[in-house]
Structures are given as C-alpha cells and as structure tokens.
Amino acid sequence: MLVANHTSMLDIMLMLYVSKNPFVFVGKQELVKIPLFGFFYKRVCILVDRNNPKSRTAVYRRVQRRLQQNLSVCIFPEGGVPDESVLLDNFKDGAFRMAITHNIPIVPMAFLDCKKRFSWEFFSGSPGPLRVTVKPFVETGLLDSSDTSTLREEVRDTILLDLE
C-alpha cells in the first residue's frame, strides 16, 4: 500500500515516477467529472464514492483482485488536496483498513516540493526539483481492525516529520 501526502496534481505523476512496481490508484469518484482528466482517471483508478457504503465495500473486492494480479495500491489518505495553509491534513482510515484486511505492508512517502512547484493557486509555483522520501515499510501482518487508528496516526506522524 503506497501512501503519501497530497498537495498538488503533481503528486499523481510523481507517484508514477517513484514507484518501480506497477500499481493502481484508489481515488474519489467525483474526479471523473473533470474534462479530459476524468476520461483517463476512470480507466486507471479504482473509484470510490465516499458517501456510498456499498461503493466503499466494493473497493475492498477490487483491491483484492488487483493484489492477486501483483499490483500495488496507492491511496492519498488525506482524501484530497488540503487547503494551501495545511501542511498535512488528517488521514482517513481506508488505506490502513485495507492494508490490515489484505495483510500488505504500507510504504509511507513524503512528497516535499509539489506544493511549491505546482500549487492550486493561480500563477504560483516555480521550476525546481521534486524531492521524495520513501520511508521503511510498515508491516501489518500482526494487526487487526482495532489497530487501524494507531496505524493511521503512526504513518501520518512518519510523513509529517519529513515535512516539518
């Protein structure tokens, strides 16, 4: 399970560059509505309607199929790009619940420069390098669903340390 902070549209491209293993994104359904981007997005992502419990449950089955195809899974656990002033938003449980359920390790990553290179503010950003720190894998084999919030906060704190 690949997880990273989410601050820019660059995050998606950077994840594709950083991961040497094939993977699939899990992303929110509403992004399909974005012209052109949505066309490609729905073809390469496992889509979830976060307001629909059936959709959230179906994601687990789709993830299982992708794992059986030897693909990794990538989720930005903030659930979206936070406000410009937020360094790292609260994480949602989904990535961590799925990692525990499917007994797969989590690979925390900190994307250090995406916000300053290509933020959501119009005419902001600057050219320059995009740095990433890839942290040690966090094993989930001995965890159960009651450990979800502890795991979530442990991974968030790991990423936050690199961002500060």
N, C-alpha and C. Protein backbone atom coordinates (compact mmCIF):
# COMPACT_ATOMS: atom_id res chain seq x y z
N MET A 1 0.86 -1.16 0.00
CA MET A 1 0.00 0.00 0.00
C MET A 1 0.91 1.22 0.00
N LEU A 2 0.88 1.98 -1.07
CA LEU A 2 1.67 3.19 -1.19
C LEU A 2 0.84 4.35 -0.67
N VAL A 3 1.37 5.11 0.30
CA VAL A 3 0.65 6.28 0.82
C VAL A 3 1.60 7.47 0.86
N ALA A 4 1.07 8.63 0.52
CA ALA A 4 1.86 9.87 0.53
C ALA A 4 0.94 11.04 0.82
N ASN A 5 1.57 12.16 1.20
CA ASN A 5 0.80 13.39 1.36
C ASN A 5 0.34 13.85 -0.03
N HIS A 6 -0.73 14.66 -0.04
CA HIS A 6 -1.35 15.07 -1.31
C HIS A 6 -1.49 16.58 -1.31
N THR A 7 -0.66 17.26 -2.13
CA THR A 7 -0.66 18.72 -2.12
C THR A 7 -0.81 19.34 -3.49
N SER A 8 -0.80 18.53 -4.54
CA SER A 8 -0.75 19.09 -5.88
C SER A 8 -1.15 18.01 -6.89
N MET A 9 -1.50 18.45 -8.09
CA MET A 9 -1.73 17.49 -9.17
C MET A 9 -0.43 16.80 -9.57
N LEU A 10 0.70 17.37 -9.21
CA LEU A 10 1.99 16.72 -9.49
C LEU A 10 2.14 15.41 -8.73
N ASP A 11 1.43 15.28 -7.62
CA ASP A 11 1.57 14.08 -6.78
C ASP A 11 1.32 12.80 -7.56
N ILE A 12 0.35 12.83 -8.42
CA ILE A 12 -0.01 11.64 -9.20
C ILE A 12 1.14 11.26 -10.13
N MET A 13 1.67 12.25 -10.85
CA MET A 13 2.78 11.96 -11.76
C MET A 13 4.04 11.54 -11.00
N LEU A 14 4.27 12.19 -9.86
CA LEU A 14 5.44 11.86 -9.07
C LEU A 14 5.36 10.43 -8.53
N MET A 15 4.17 10.01 -8.11
CA MET A 15 4.00 8.64 -7.63
C MET A 15 4.29 7.64 -8.76
N LEU A 16 3.84 7.96 -9.96
CA LEU A 16 4.11 7.09 -11.10
C LEU A 16 5.62 6.99 -11.36
N TYR A 17 6.34 8.05 -11.13
CA TYR A 17 7.78 8.06 -11.33
C TYR A 17 8.51 7.32 -10.20
N VAL A 18 8.08 7.52 -8.97
CA VAL A 18 8.78 6.98 -7.80
C VAL A 18 8.62 5.47 -7.67
N SER A 19 7.42 4.98 -7.90
CA SER A 19 7.17 3.55 -7.70
C SER A 19 7.74 2.74 -8.86
N LYS A 20 8.58 1.81 -8.53
CA LYS A 20 9.17 0.95 -9.56
C LYS A 20 8.28 -0.24 -9.87
N ASN A 21 7.28 -0.49 -9.01
CA ASN A 21 6.35 -1.60 -9.22
C ASN A 21 5.04 -1.07 -9.79
N PRO A 22 4.39 -1.84 -10.63
CA PRO A 22 3.08 -1.41 -11.15
C PRO A 22 2.07 -1.29 -10.01
N PHE A 23 1.22 -0.29 -10.11
CA PHE A 23 0.20 -0.08 -9.08
C PHE A 23 -1.04 0.55 -9.68
N VAL A 24 -2.08 0.56 -8.88
CA VAL A 24 -3.34 1.19 -9.25
C VAL A 24 -3.71 2.18 -8.14
N PHE A 25 -4.25 3.31 -8.54
CA PHE A 25 -4.72 4.30 -7.57
C PHE A 25 -6.13 3.94 -7.11
N VAL A 26 -6.45 4.26 -5.87
CA VAL A 26 -7.83 4.29 -5.40
C VAL A 26 -8.14 5.77 -5.24
N GLY A 27 -9.19 6.23 -5.92
CA GLY A 27 -9.50 7.65 -5.90
C GLY A 27 -10.98 7.92 -5.89
N LYS A 28 -11.30 9.15 -5.55
CA LYS A 28 -12.72 9.51 -5.40
C LYS A 28 -13.43 9.68 -6.74
N GLN A 29 -14.62 9.17 -6.76
CA GLN A 29 -15.48 9.11 -7.94
C GLN A 29 -15.71 10.49 -8.57
N GLU A 30 -15.82 11.54 -7.75
CA GLU A 30 -16.20 12.84 -8.29
C GLU A 30 -15.20 13.40 -9.29
N LEU A 31 -13.96 12.94 -9.26
CA LEU A 31 -12.94 13.47 -10.17
C LEU A 31 -13.16 13.03 -11.62
N VAL A 32 -14.04 12.07 -11.84
CA VAL A 32 -14.36 11.62 -13.20
C VAL A 32 -14.98 12.77 -13.99
N LYS A 33 -15.59 13.74 -13.31
CA LYS A 33 -16.28 14.85 -13.98
C LYS A 33 -15.34 15.90 -14.56
N ILE A 34 -14.06 15.86 -14.21
CA ILE A 34 -13.11 16.84 -14.73
C ILE A 34 -12.84 16.53 -16.20
N PRO A 35 -13.07 17.52 -17.08
CA PRO A 35 -12.86 17.27 -18.51
C PRO A 35 -11.44 16.77 -18.80
N LEU A 36 -11.32 15.86 -19.71
CA LEU A 36 -10.12 15.20 -20.17
C LEU A 36 -9.44 14.37 -19.07
N PHE A 37 -9.11 14.99 -17.95
CA PHE A 37 -8.51 14.25 -16.84
C PHE A 37 -9.41 13.08 -16.44
N GLY A 38 -10.72 13.33 -16.31
CA GLY A 38 -11.67 12.31 -15.89
C GLY A 38 -11.72 11.12 -16.82
N PHE A 39 -11.54 11.37 -18.11
CA PHE A 39 -11.55 10.29 -19.10
C PHE A 39 -10.46 9.27 -18.78
N PHE A 40 -9.25 9.74 -18.51
CA PHE A 40 -8.14 8.84 -18.21
C PHE A 40 -8.22 8.29 -16.79
N TYR A 41 -8.64 9.14 -15.89
CA TYR A 41 -8.72 8.80 -14.46
C TYR A 41 -9.57 7.56 -14.23
N LYS A 42 -10.74 7.50 -14.84
CA LYS A 42 -11.64 6.37 -14.60
C LYS A 42 -11.13 5.07 -15.21
N ARG A 43 -10.16 5.16 -16.09
CA ARG A 43 -9.59 3.96 -16.70
C ARG A 43 -8.41 3.39 -15.94
N VAL A 44 -7.82 4.19 -15.05
CA VAL A 44 -6.62 3.73 -14.34
C VAL A 44 -6.80 3.67 -12.83
N CYS A 45 -7.99 3.97 -12.35
CA CYS A 45 -8.22 4.01 -10.90
C CYS A 45 -9.32 3.07 -10.49
N ILE A 46 -9.25 2.66 -9.24
CA ILE A 46 -10.39 2.03 -8.58
C ILE A 46 -11.15 3.19 -7.97
N LEU A 47 -12.35 3.41 -8.42
CA LEU A 47 -13.12 4.57 -8.00
C LEU A 47 -13.97 4.26 -6.78
N VAL A 48 -14.08 5.24 -5.90
CA VAL A 48 -14.91 5.10 -4.70
C VAL A 48 -15.77 6.33 -4.52
N ASP A 49 -17.05 6.09 -4.26
CA ASP A 49 -17.96 7.16 -3.85
C ASP A 49 -17.97 7.12 -2.33
N ARG A 50 -17.28 8.06 -1.72
CA ARG A 50 -17.10 8.02 -0.26
C ARG A 50 -18.40 8.20 0.51
N ASN A 51 -19.45 8.66 -0.16
CA ASN A 51 -20.75 8.82 0.51
C ASN A 51 -21.62 7.58 0.40
N ASN A 52 -21.12 6.55 -0.28
CA ASN A 52 -21.91 5.36 -0.53
C ASN A 52 -21.23 4.14 0.11
N PRO A 53 -21.83 3.60 1.18
CA PRO A 53 -21.22 2.44 1.86
C PRO A 53 -20.98 1.24 0.94
N LYS A 54 -21.89 1.00 -0.02
CA LYS A 54 -21.72 -0.12 -0.94
C LYS A 54 -20.49 0.10 -1.83
N SER A 55 -20.27 1.33 -2.25
CA SER A 55 -19.11 1.65 -3.08
C SER A 55 -17.83 1.42 -2.29
N ARG A 56 -17.81 1.87 -1.04
CA ARG A 56 -16.62 1.69 -0.21
C ARG A 56 -16.33 0.20 0.01
N THR A 57 -17.36 -0.60 0.20
CA THR A 57 -17.19 -2.04 0.39
C THR A 57 -16.69 -2.69 -0.89
N ALA A 58 -17.20 -2.26 -2.04
CA ALA A 58 -16.79 -2.85 -3.32
C ALA A 58 -15.32 -2.59 -3.61
N VAL A 59 -14.78 -1.50 -3.09
CA VAL A 59 -13.37 -1.20 -3.29
C VAL A 59 -12.49 -2.32 -2.74
N TYR A 60 -12.86 -2.89 -1.59
CA TYR A 60 -12.08 -3.97 -1.00
C TYR A 60 -11.96 -5.16 -1.96
N ARG A 61 -13.05 -5.50 -2.63
CA ARG A 61 -13.03 -6.61 -3.58
C ARG A 61 -12.15 -6.28 -4.79
N ARG A 62 -12.28 -5.05 -5.29
CA ARG A 62 -11.47 -4.66 -6.45
C ARG A 62 -9.98 -4.61 -6.09
N VAL A 63 -9.68 -4.14 -4.90
CA VAL A 63 -8.29 -4.11 -4.45
C VAL A 63 -7.75 -5.53 -4.36
N GLN A 64 -8.54 -6.45 -3.82
CA GLN A 64 -8.10 -7.85 -3.72
C GLN A 64 -7.75 -8.41 -5.09
N ARG A 65 -8.59 -8.13 -6.09
CA ARG A 65 -8.31 -8.62 -7.45
C ARG A 65 -7.00 -8.04 -7.98
N ARG A 66 -6.77 -6.76 -7.73
CA ARG A 66 -5.54 -6.13 -8.22
C ARG A 66 -4.31 -6.68 -7.49
N LEU A 67 -4.43 -6.94 -6.21
CA LEU A 67 -3.32 -7.54 -5.46
C LEU A 67 -2.99 -8.92 -6.00
N GLN A 68 -4.02 -9.68 -6.38
CA GLN A 68 -3.81 -11.01 -6.96
C GLN A 68 -3.12 -10.93 -8.32
N GLN A 69 -3.21 -9.77 -8.97
CA GLN A 69 -2.52 -9.54 -10.25
C GLN A 69 -1.11 -8.97 -10.02
N ASN A 70 -0.65 -9.00 -8.76
CA ASN A 70 0.66 -8.49 -8.37
C ASN A 70 0.82 -6.99 -8.57
N LEU A 71 -0.27 -6.26 -8.44
CA LEU A 71 -0.21 -4.80 -8.47
C LEU A 71 -0.20 -4.27 -7.04
N SER A 72 0.49 -3.18 -6.85
CA SER A 72 0.39 -2.47 -5.57
C SER A 72 -0.81 -1.54 -5.65
N VAL A 73 -1.14 -0.92 -4.53
CA VAL A 73 -2.27 0.00 -4.46
C VAL A 73 -1.76 1.31 -3.89
N CYS A 74 -2.20 2.43 -4.46
CA CYS A 74 -1.81 3.74 -3.96
C CYS A 74 -3.05 4.52 -3.54
N ILE A 75 -2.98 5.07 -2.33
CA ILE A 75 -4.05 5.93 -1.83
C ILE A 75 -3.39 7.15 -1.18
N PHE A 76 -3.91 8.32 -1.48
CA PHE A 76 -3.52 9.52 -0.77
C PHE A 76 -4.50 9.65 0.40
N PRO A 77 -4.07 9.30 1.62
CA PRO A 77 -5.02 9.15 2.73
C PRO A 77 -5.62 10.45 3.26
N GLU A 78 -5.15 11.59 2.79
CA GLU A 78 -5.81 12.83 3.18
C GLU A 78 -7.19 12.94 2.52
N GLY A 79 -7.40 12.17 1.47
CA GLY A 79 -8.70 12.14 0.82
C GLY A 79 -8.89 13.27 -0.17
N GLY A 80 -7.91 14.06 -0.39
CA GLY A 80 -7.97 15.18 -1.32
C GLY A 80 -6.86 16.15 -1.00
N VAL A 81 -6.73 17.15 -1.82
CA VAL A 81 -5.69 18.15 -1.60
C VAL A 81 -6.18 19.14 -0.56
N PRO A 82 -5.46 19.28 0.57
CA PRO A 82 -5.91 20.20 1.61
C PRO A 82 -5.68 21.66 1.23
N ASP A 83 -6.25 22.53 2.02
CA ASP A 83 -6.06 23.97 1.86
C ASP A 83 -4.57 24.30 1.83
N GLU A 84 -4.19 25.35 1.10
CA GLU A 84 -2.79 25.74 0.95
C GLU A 84 -2.05 25.86 2.29
N SER A 85 -2.75 26.31 3.32
CA SER A 85 -2.10 26.57 4.61
C SER A 85 -1.88 25.30 5.44
N VAL A 86 -2.49 24.19 5.04
CA VAL A 86 -2.40 22.94 5.80
C VAL A 86 -1.16 22.16 5.36
N LEU A 87 -0.28 21.88 6.29
CA LEU A 87 0.93 21.12 5.98
C LEU A 87 0.60 19.66 5.68
N LEU A 88 -0.19 19.04 6.55
CA LEU A 88 -0.62 17.65 6.36
C LEU A 88 -1.97 17.48 7.05
N ASP A 89 -2.99 17.23 6.27
CA ASP A 89 -4.35 17.10 6.81
C ASP A 89 -4.49 15.77 7.54
N ASN A 90 -5.60 15.61 8.24
CA ASN A 90 -5.90 14.33 8.90
C ASN A 90 -6.05 13.25 7.84
N PHE A 91 -5.65 12.03 8.19
CA PHE A 91 -5.77 10.89 7.29
C PHE A 91 -7.10 10.19 7.52
N LYS A 92 -7.66 9.68 6.45
CA LYS A 92 -8.85 8.84 6.53
C LYS A 92 -8.37 7.38 6.74
N ASP A 93 -9.27 6.54 7.20
CA ASP A 93 -8.93 5.17 7.59
C ASP A 93 -8.75 4.19 6.43
N GLY A 94 -9.32 4.45 5.26
CA GLY A 94 -9.43 3.47 4.19
C GLY A 94 -8.15 2.72 3.85
N ALA A 95 -7.07 3.44 3.61
CA ALA A 95 -5.81 2.80 3.21
C ALA A 95 -5.32 1.85 4.29
N PHE A 96 -5.50 2.24 5.52
CA PHE A 96 -4.96 1.46 6.64
C PHE A 96 -5.84 0.25 6.93
N ARG A 97 -7.15 0.42 6.81
CA ARG A 97 -8.05 -0.71 6.95
C ARG A 97 -7.79 -1.75 5.86
N MET A 98 -7.60 -1.26 4.63
CA MET A 98 -7.35 -2.19 3.52
C MET A 98 -6.02 -2.91 3.69
N ALA A 99 -4.99 -2.19 4.13
CA ALA A 99 -3.68 -2.83 4.33
C ALA A 99 -3.77 -3.93 5.38
N ILE A 100 -4.50 -3.68 6.45
CA ILE A 100 -4.68 -4.68 7.51
C ILE A 100 -5.50 -5.85 6.98
N THR A 101 -6.62 -5.55 6.32
CA THR A 101 -7.50 -6.59 5.79
C THR A 101 -6.77 -7.52 4.82
N HIS A 102 -5.96 -6.93 3.95
CA HIS A 102 -5.28 -7.71 2.92
C HIS A 102 -3.86 -8.12 3.32
N ASN A 103 -3.47 -7.77 4.57
CA ASN A 103 -2.17 -8.16 5.10
C ASN A 103 -1.02 -7.74 4.19
N ILE A 104 -1.04 -6.45 3.80
CA ILE A 104 0.03 -5.92 2.95
C ILE A 104 0.72 -4.77 3.68
N PRO A 105 2.03 -4.62 3.48
CA PRO A 105 2.76 -3.55 4.15
C PRO A 105 2.39 -2.18 3.56
N ILE A 106 2.61 -1.17 4.36
CA ILE A 106 2.40 0.21 3.93
C ILE A 106 3.76 0.83 3.66
N VAL A 107 3.85 1.56 2.55
CA VAL A 107 5.08 2.27 2.20
C VAL A 107 4.78 3.77 2.31
N PRO A 108 5.17 4.41 3.43
CA PRO A 108 4.93 5.85 3.57
C PRO A 108 5.93 6.64 2.73
N MET A 109 5.43 7.69 2.09
CA MET A 109 6.28 8.57 1.29
C MET A 109 5.92 10.01 1.60
N ALA A 110 6.93 10.86 1.66
CA ALA A 110 6.71 12.29 1.84
C ALA A 110 7.11 13.00 0.56
N PHE A 111 6.15 13.68 -0.05
CA PHE A 111 6.40 14.49 -1.24
C PHE A 111 6.69 15.91 -0.74
N LEU A 112 7.94 16.33 -0.86
CA LEU A 112 8.41 17.53 -0.19
C LEU A 112 8.21 18.83 -0.96
N ASP A 113 8.13 18.79 -2.27
CA ASP A 113 8.18 20.03 -3.05
C ASP A 113 6.99 20.29 -3.95
N CYS A 114 6.05 19.39 -4.05
CA CYS A 114 4.97 19.53 -5.03
C CYS A 114 4.16 20.81 -4.84
N LYS A 115 3.88 21.17 -3.60
CA LYS A 115 3.07 22.36 -3.33
C LYS A 115 3.78 23.62 -3.84
N LYS A 116 5.09 23.72 -3.62
CA LYS A 116 5.78 24.94 -4.06
C LYS A 116 6.10 24.91 -5.55
N ARG A 117 6.08 23.75 -6.18
CA ARG A 117 6.33 23.68 -7.62
C ARG A 117 5.06 23.90 -8.45
N PHE A 118 3.93 23.39 -7.95
CA PHE A 118 2.69 23.46 -8.72
C PHE A 118 1.51 23.40 -7.76
N SER A 119 1.23 24.51 -7.10
CA SER A 119 0.13 24.53 -6.13
C SER A 119 -1.19 24.82 -6.84
N TRP A 120 -2.23 24.94 -6.06
CA TRP A 120 -3.56 25.21 -6.61
C TRP A 120 -3.79 26.70 -6.83
N GLU A 121 -2.91 27.55 -6.32
CA GLU A 121 -3.04 29.00 -6.52
C GLU A 121 -2.66 29.33 -7.95
N PHE A 122 -3.45 30.17 -8.58
CA PHE A 122 -3.20 30.54 -9.97
C PHE A 122 -1.90 31.34 -10.06
N PHE A 123 -1.07 31.06 -11.05
CA PHE A 123 0.21 31.72 -11.28
C PHE A 123 1.19 31.56 -10.12
N SER A 124 1.11 30.49 -9.40
CA SER A 124 2.09 30.23 -8.34
C SER A 124 2.95 29.05 -8.74
N GLY A 125 3.99 28.84 -8.00
CA GLY A 125 4.88 27.73 -8.27
C GLY A 125 6.16 28.20 -8.95
N SER A 126 7.09 27.30 -9.04
CA SER A 126 8.37 27.61 -9.66
C SER A 126 9.04 26.33 -10.11
N PRO A 127 9.92 26.43 -11.10
CA PRO A 127 10.64 25.23 -11.52
C PRO A 127 11.61 24.78 -10.43
N GLY A 128 11.94 23.52 -10.45
CA GLY A 128 12.91 23.01 -9.49
C GLY A 128 12.72 21.52 -9.27
N PRO A 129 13.57 20.95 -8.45
CA PRO A 129 13.50 19.51 -8.20
C PRO A 129 12.27 19.13 -7.38
N LEU A 130 11.87 17.89 -7.51
CA LEU A 130 10.79 17.31 -6.70
C LEU A 130 11.42 16.21 -5.85
N ARG A 131 11.54 16.49 -4.56
CA ARG A 131 12.16 15.52 -3.66
C ARG A 131 11.09 14.63 -3.02
N VAL A 132 11.47 13.38 -2.80
CA VAL A 132 10.60 12.39 -2.16
C VAL A 132 11.43 11.61 -1.16
N THR A 133 10.86 11.39 0.02
CA THR A 133 11.50 10.45 0.93
C THR A 133 10.59 9.22 1.02
N VAL A 134 11.19 8.08 0.82
CA VAL A 134 10.47 6.80 0.94
C VAL A 134 10.92 6.19 2.25
N LYS A 135 9.96 6.01 3.14
CA LYS A 135 10.25 5.51 4.49
C LYS A 135 10.22 3.97 4.50
N PRO A 136 10.76 3.37 5.54
CA PRO A 136 10.70 1.90 5.64
C PRO A 136 9.26 1.39 5.65
N PHE A 137 9.09 0.20 5.10
CA PHE A 137 7.77 -0.44 5.07
C PHE A 137 7.25 -0.58 6.50
N VAL A 138 5.93 -0.45 6.64
CA VAL A 138 5.26 -0.70 7.92
C VAL A 138 4.46 -1.98 7.74
N GLU A 139 4.86 -3.01 8.44
CA GLU A 139 4.19 -4.31 8.30
C GLU A 139 2.83 -4.29 9.00
N THR A 140 1.88 -5.02 8.45
CA THR A 140 0.53 -5.07 9.02
C THR A 140 0.11 -6.49 9.39
N GLY A 141 0.98 -7.47 9.19
CA GLY A 141 0.63 -8.88 9.38
C GLY A 141 0.12 -9.25 10.75
N LEU A 142 0.58 -8.57 11.79
CA LEU A 142 0.16 -8.91 13.15
C LEU A 142 -0.96 -8.00 13.66
N LEU A 143 -1.51 -7.16 12.79
CA LEU A 143 -2.53 -6.20 13.21
C LEU A 143 -3.92 -6.70 12.87
N ASP A 144 -4.91 -6.16 13.57
CA ASP A 144 -6.30 -6.41 13.21
C ASP A 144 -7.01 -5.06 13.13
N SER A 145 -8.30 -5.10 12.82
CA SER A 145 -9.04 -3.86 12.56
C SER A 145 -9.02 -2.88 13.74
N SER A 146 -8.85 -3.38 14.96
CA SER A 146 -8.81 -2.48 16.11
C SER A 146 -7.53 -1.63 16.13
N ASP A 147 -6.55 -1.98 15.30
CA ASP A 147 -5.28 -1.24 15.23
C ASP A 147 -5.30 -0.15 14.15
N THR A 148 -6.41 0.02 13.45
CA THR A 148 -6.46 0.93 12.31
C THR A 148 -6.06 2.35 12.69
N SER A 149 -6.65 2.90 13.73
CA SER A 149 -6.35 4.31 14.07
C SER A 149 -4.91 4.49 14.53
N THR A 150 -4.37 3.52 15.25
CA THR A 150 -2.97 3.60 15.69
C THR A 150 -2.04 3.57 14.48
N LEU A 151 -2.31 2.66 13.55
CA LEU A 151 -1.51 2.55 12.33
C LEU A 151 -1.61 3.84 11.52
N ARG A 152 -2.81 4.35 11.36
CA ARG A 152 -3.05 5.59 10.61
C ARG A 152 -2.21 6.73 11.18
N GLU A 153 -2.24 6.90 12.49
CA GLU A 153 -1.51 8.01 13.11
C GLU A 153 0.00 7.79 13.07
N GLU A 154 0.44 6.55 13.18
CA GLU A 154 1.87 6.24 13.10
C GLU A 154 2.42 6.63 11.72
N VAL A 155 1.70 6.25 10.68
CA VAL A 155 2.13 6.57 9.31
C VAL A 155 2.05 8.07 9.07
N ARG A 156 0.99 8.72 9.55
CA ARG A 156 0.87 10.18 9.39
C ARG A 156 2.04 10.89 10.07
N ASP A 157 2.36 10.48 11.30
CA ASP A 157 3.47 11.11 12.02
C ASP A 157 4.79 10.90 11.29
N THR A 158 4.99 9.74 10.70
CA THR A 158 6.21 9.45 9.93
C THR A 158 6.36 10.42 8.77
N ILE A 159 5.28 10.64 8.04
CA ILE A 159 5.32 11.56 6.90
C ILE A 159 5.48 13.00 7.39
N LEU A 160 4.76 13.37 8.44
CA LEU A 160 4.80 14.73 8.96
C LEU A 160 6.21 15.13 9.40
N LEU A 161 6.94 14.21 9.99
CA LEU A 161 8.32 14.51 10.42
C LEU A 161 9.18 15.01 9.26
N ASP A 162 9.00 14.44 8.09
CA ASP A 162 9.79 14.88 6.93
C ASP A 162 9.31 16.20 6.35
N LEU A 163 8.06 16.55 6.60
CA LEU A 163 7.51 17.79 6.04
C LEU A 163 7.84 19.02 6.88
N GLU A 164 8.13 18.79 8.16
CA GLU A 164 8.38 19.93 9.07
C GLU A 164 9.77 20.49 8.92
